[in-house]
Amino acid sequence: MHYLRDKTLYQLSHYMLRWVLSQYLNLQQQQIEVDTNQYGKPSVKGCNKLFFNLSHTNGVYVIALSKNKTI
């Protein structure tokens, strides 16, 4: 990333995503492995009961979670 601010916000948003996922899955953040499908859709490797997405614009980040339904 070109700008330090963007890089920092990217890193923070992904840290927060791992923290939120760890709370829902009752796992340590280091145990969570994020994978993507052929379309780039993220998922937690080996977990088919918690779905999530991370979106961002102009420094605002949103994490969406769903149990048993894809987002």
C-alpha atoms as a PDB file:
ATOM      1  CA  MET A   1       0.000   0.000   0.000  1.00  0.00           C
ATOM      2  CA  HIS A   2       1.239   3.414  -0.883  1.00  0.00           C
ATOM      3  CA  TYR A   3       0.105   5.414   2.158  1.00  0.00           C
ATOM      4  CA  LEU A   4       1.058   4.537   5.735  1.00  0.00           C
ATOM      5  CA  ARG A   5      -2.455   5.456   6.945  1.00  0.00           C
ATOM      6  CA  ASP A   6      -4.049   2.951   4.554  1.00  0.00           C
ATOM      7  CA  LYS A   7      -1.591   0.231   5.542  1.00  0.00           C
ATOM      8  CA  THR A   8      -2.205   0.863   9.240  1.00  0.00           C
ATOM      9  CA  LEU A   9      -6.001   0.785   8.842  1.00  0.00           C
ATOM     10  CA  TYR A  10      -5.755  -2.404   6.775  1.00  0.00           C
ATOM     11  CA  GLN A  11      -3.661  -4.111   9.467  1.00  0.00           C
ATOM     12  CA  LEU A  12      -5.947  -2.891  12.258  1.00  0.00           C
ATOM     13  CA  SER A  13      -9.105  -4.063  10.474  1.00  0.00           C
ATOM     14  CA  HIS A  14      -7.665  -7.536   9.911  1.00  0.00           C
ATOM     15  CA  TYR A  15      -6.510  -7.741  13.529  1.00  0.00           C
ATOM     16  CA  MET A  16     -10.019  -6.781  14.675  1.00  0.00           C
ATOM     17  CA  LEU A  17     -11.541  -9.365  12.321  1.00  0.00           C
ATOM     18  CA  ARG A  18      -9.356 -12.094  13.829  1.00  0.00           C
ATOM     19  CA  TRP A  19     -10.277 -10.931  17.335  1.00  0.00           C
ATOM     20  CA  VAL A  20     -14.011 -11.028  16.562  1.00  0.00           C
ATOM     21  CA  LEU A  21     -13.727 -14.440  14.912  1.00  0.00           C
ATOM     22  CA  SER A  22     -11.748 -15.772  17.878  1.00  0.00           C
ATOM     23  CA  GLN A  23     -14.522 -14.672  20.246  1.00  0.00           C
ATOM     24  CA  TYR A  24     -17.245 -16.380  18.210  1.00  0.00           C
ATOM     25  CA  LEU A  25     -15.258 -19.557  17.610  1.00  0.00           C
ATOM     26  CA  ASN A  26     -13.693 -19.734  21.079  1.00  0.00           C
ATOM     27  CA  LEU A  27     -10.219 -20.051  19.556  1.00  0.00           C
ATOM     28  CA  GLN A  28      -6.948 -18.195  19.866  1.00  0.00           C
ATOM     29  CA  GLN A  29      -6.369 -15.720  17.045  1.00  0.00           C
ATOM     30  CA  GLN A  30      -3.305 -17.701  15.959  1.00  0.00           C
ATOM     31  CA  GLN A  31      -5.484 -20.803  15.473  1.00  0.00           C
ATOM     32  CA  ILE A  32      -7.713 -19.103  12.893  1.00  0.00           C
ATOM     33  CA  GLU A  33      -6.784 -19.724   9.297  1.00  0.00           C
ATOM     34  CA  VAL A  34      -8.594 -17.566   6.742  1.00  0.00           C
ATOM     35  CA  ASP A  35      -9.040 -18.997   3.269  1.00  0.00           C
ATOM     36  CA  THR A  36     -10.682 -17.669   0.101  1.00  0.00           C
ATOM     37  CA  ASN A  37     -12.695 -19.434  -2.576  1.00  0.00           C
ATOM     38  CA  GLN A  38     -12.219 -19.060  -6.320  1.00  0.00           C
ATOM     39  CA  TYR A  39     -14.199 -15.792  -6.240  1.00  0.00           C
ATOM     40  CA  GLY A  40     -12.152 -14.281  -3.399  1.00  0.00           C
ATOM     41  CA  LYS A  41     -14.848 -14.837  -0.739  1.00  0.00           C
ATOM     42  CA  PRO A  42     -13.183 -15.279   2.671  1.00  0.00           C
ATOM     43  CA  SER A  43     -13.961 -18.072   5.126  1.00  0.00           C
ATOM     44  CA  VAL A  44     -12.464 -19.674   8.194  1.00  0.00           C
ATOM     45  CA  LYS A  45     -10.746 -22.846   7.053  1.00  0.00           C
ATOM     46  CA  GLY A  46     -12.560 -25.905   8.389  1.00  0.00           C
ATOM     47  CA  CYS A  47     -15.569 -23.950   9.683  1.00  0.00           C
ATOM     48  CA  ASN A  48     -18.861 -24.014   7.809  1.00  0.00           C
ATOM     49  CA  LYS A  49     -21.097 -22.527  10.507  1.00  0.00           C
ATOM     50  CA  LEU A  50     -19.755 -18.981  10.773  1.00  0.00           C
ATOM     51  CA  PHE A  51     -19.605 -16.693   7.779  1.00  0.00           C
ATOM     52  CA  PHE A  52     -18.086 -13.241   7.612  1.00  0.00           C
ATOM     53  CA  ASN A  53     -17.095 -10.386   5.418  1.00  0.00           C
ATOM     54  CA  LEU A  54     -14.981  -7.283   5.866  1.00  0.00           C
ATOM     55  CA  SER A  55     -15.729  -4.106   3.942  1.00  0.00           C
ATOM     56  CA  HIS A  56     -14.105  -0.683   3.988  1.00  0.00           C
ATOM     57  CA  THR A  57     -14.357   2.793   2.519  1.00  0.00           C
ATOM     58  CA  ASN A  58     -12.748   6.114   3.417  1.00  0.00           C
ATOM     59  CA  GLY A  59     -11.211   4.801   6.642  1.00  0.00           C
ATOM     60  CA  VAL A  60     -14.420   3.106   7.848  1.00  0.00           C
ATOM     61  CA  TYR A  61     -14.386  -0.667   8.278  1.00  0.00           C
ATOM     62  CA  VAL A  62     -17.370  -2.962   8.816  1.00  0.00           C
ATOM     63  CA  ILE A  63     -17.285  -6.589   9.889  1.00  0.00           C
ATOM     64  CA  ALA A  64     -20.401  -8.658   9.138  1.00  0.00           C
ATOM     65  CA  LEU A  65     -20.992 -12.065  10.723  1.00  0.00           C
ATOM     66  CA  SER A  66     -23.641 -14.695  10.144  1.00  0.00           C
ATOM     67  CA  LYS A  67     -24.264 -18.105  11.641  1.00  0.00           C
ATOM     68  CA  ASN A  68     -25.266 -20.848   9.188  1.00  0.00           C
ATOM     69  CA  LYS A  69     -26.003 -18.431   6.290  1.00  0.00           C
ATOM     70  CA  THR A  70     -23.557 -17.026   3.784  1.00  0.00           C
ATOM     71  CA  ILE A  71     -23.160 -13.262   3.557  1.00  0.00           C
END
